[in-house]
């Protein structure tokens, strides 16, 4: 089942991962730990990527960068680095636009805001123009 899910790009989203675990538990009468172990073994063997892994690494980066100032704000340059990090963690199997949406939603979940950017008129338009993640 995991191989089939991985065939559509090699990136397994969180809801697909949850469904695969539920299928493993109900179809094959596995415990949660056994189903998770079987899924992780297949993911490693097939060189697939879990969204959860990319999210965790990027979330840590965002929190470290945001903690450098009291307002927990992230600069545009740090945001770009987070997007590149997300794409690297997903082995380039996520488009740049999708990575921007995921990083923005991670920032909102963590309570991190965007810094203003610009020469004369500084705004957060660069951040606000990124569409919201569809849940």
Protein backbone atom coordinates (compact mmCIF):
# COMPACT_ATOMS: atom_id res chain seq x y z
CA UNK A 1 0.00 0.00 0.00
CA UNK A 2 2.81 2.40 0.87
CA UNK A 3 4.50 1.76 -2.47
CA UNK A 4 1.29 2.57 -4.31
CA UNK A 5 0.90 5.86 -2.41
CA UNK A 6 4.53 6.70 -3.15
CA UNK A 7 4.07 6.24 -6.89
CA UNK A 8 2.36 9.62 -7.18
CA UNK A 9 5.51 11.67 -6.67
CA UNK A 10 7.19 9.90 -3.77
CA UNK A 11 5.86 12.39 -1.20
CA UNK A 12 3.39 11.00 1.33
CA UNK A 13 1.20 13.66 2.88
CA UNK A 14 0.12 13.52 6.53
CA UNK A 15 -3.48 12.48 5.78
CA UNK A 16 -2.25 9.71 3.46
CA UNK A 17 0.17 8.53 6.17
CA UNK A 18 -2.67 8.42 8.71
CA UNK A 19 -4.87 6.48 6.29
CA UNK A 20 -2.08 4.00 5.55
CA UNK A 21 -1.55 3.38 9.26
CA UNK A 22 -5.28 2.83 9.78
CA UNK A 23 -5.38 0.42 6.82
CA UNK A 24 -2.43 -1.52 8.22
CA UNK A 25 -4.09 -1.80 11.59
CA UNK A 26 -7.51 -2.89 10.30
CA UNK A 27 -6.58 -5.00 7.25
CA UNK A 28 -3.54 -6.79 8.60
CA UNK A 29 -4.44 -6.71 12.30
CA UNK A 30 -1.21 -4.89 13.24
CA UNK A 31 -0.63 -2.75 16.29
CA UNK A 32 0.10 0.94 15.77
CA UNK A 33 3.82 0.40 16.37
CA UNK A 34 3.97 -2.52 13.93
CA UNK A 35 2.09 -0.60 11.24
CA UNK A 36 4.31 2.44 11.75
CA UNK A 37 7.46 0.28 11.61
CA UNK A 38 6.34 -1.43 8.41
CA UNK A 39 5.50 1.91 6.82
CA UNK A 40 8.83 3.49 7.82
CA UNK A 41 10.74 0.46 6.51
CA UNK A 42 8.98 0.72 3.16
CA UNK A 43 9.50 4.49 3.04
CA UNK A 44 13.24 4.03 3.60
CA UNK A 45 13.55 1.15 1.13
CA UNK A 46 11.68 2.99 -1.62
CA UNK A 47 13.33 6.36 -0.85
CA UNK A 48 9.98 8.04 -0.27
CA UNK A 49 9.45 11.16 1.85
CA UNK A 50 6.93 11.73 4.63
CA UNK A 51 5.44 15.20 4.97
CA UNK A 52 5.80 14.86 8.75
CA UNK A 53 9.60 14.61 8.45
CA UNK A 54 9.85 17.70 6.22
CA UNK A 55 7.50 19.63 8.52
CA UNK A 56 9.44 18.78 11.69
CA UNK A 57 12.81 19.89 10.34
CA UNK A 58 11.43 23.08 8.88
CA UNK A 59 9.47 23.87 12.06
CA UNK A 60 12.69 23.63 14.10
CA UNK A 61 14.47 25.98 11.67
CA UNK A 62 11.62 28.51 11.82
CA UNK A 63 11.58 28.50 15.62
CA UNK A 64 15.35 28.99 15.84
CA UNK A 65 15.31 31.86 13.36
CA UNK A 66 12.27 33.51 14.96
CA UNK A 67 13.71 33.26 18.46
CA UNK A 68 16.53 35.63 17.45
CA UNK A 69 14.21 38.58 18.13
CA UNK A 70 11.57 39.28 20.76
CA UNK A 71 8.69 39.72 18.33
CA UNK A 72 9.21 36.23 16.79
CA UNK A 73 9.39 37.64 13.27
CA UNK A 74 10.97 36.06 10.23
CA UNK A 75 12.68 38.00 7.46
CA UNK A 76 12.01 37.40 3.79
CA UNK A 77 15.50 35.93 3.39
CA UNK A 78 14.93 33.49 6.28
CA UNK A 79 11.59 32.54 4.73
CA UNK A 80 13.32 31.75 1.43
CA UNK A 81 15.85 29.62 3.30
CA UNK A 82 13.01 27.76 5.04
CA UNK A 83 11.34 27.09 1.67
CA UNK A 84 14.60 25.75 0.25
CA UNK A 85 15.07 23.63 3.37
CA UNK A 86 11.55 22.22 3.01
CA UNK A 87 12.23 21.34 -0.62
CA UNK A 88 15.54 19.72 0.32
CA UNK A 89 13.90 17.68 3.08
CA UNK A 90 11.24 16.56 0.59
CA UNK A 91 13.95 15.69 -1.96
CA UNK A 92 12.59 18.28 -4.41
CA UNK A 93 9.32 16.32 -4.73
CA UNK A 94 7.30 19.38 -3.72
CA UNK A 95 6.95 22.42 -5.97
CA UNK A 96 8.24 25.77 -4.76
CA UNK A 97 4.70 27.13 -4.50
CA UNK A 98 3.58 24.16 -2.42
CA UNK A 99 6.64 24.58 -0.18
CA UNK A 100 5.84 28.28 0.30
CA UNK A 101 2.28 27.41 1.34
CA UNK A 102 3.50 24.73 3.76
CA UNK A 103 6.11 27.03 5.33
CA UNK A 104 3.54 29.81 5.69
CA UNK A 105 1.11 27.46 7.42
CA UNK A 106 3.91 26.24 9.73
CA UNK A 107 4.71 29.86 10.60
CA UNK A 108 1.07 30.59 11.40
CA UNK A 109 0.81 27.42 13.54
CA UNK A 110 3.90 28.46 15.52
CA UNK A 111 2.77 32.08 15.95
CA UNK A 112 5.64 33.49 13.87
CA UNK A 113 4.96 36.66 11.90
CA UNK A 114 6.69 38.09 8.85
CA UNK A 115 9.03 41.07 8.98
CA UNK A 116 8.38 44.05 6.75
CA UNK A 117 10.48 44.18 3.59
CA UNK A 118 11.19 46.91 1.04
CA UNK A 119 13.23 50.03 0.43
CA UNK A 120 10.87 52.98 0.70
CA UNK A 121 7.55 51.44 1.56
CA UNK A 122 8.13 48.48 3.80
CA UNK A 123 5.30 45.95 3.86
CA UNK A 124 4.44 42.31 4.43
CA UNK A 125 2.93 41.97 0.97
CA UNK A 126 5.53 39.32 0.11
CA UNK A 127 4.06 37.12 2.86
CA UNK A 128 0.39 38.02 2.44
CA UNK A 129 0.51 37.24 -1.31
CA UNK A 130 1.22 33.56 -0.59
CA UNK A 131 -2.09 31.67 -0.69
CA UNK A 132 -3.28 29.90 2.46
CA UNK A 133 -2.70 26.15 2.75
CA UNK A 134 -5.82 24.17 1.82
CA UNK A 135 -6.50 21.82 4.71
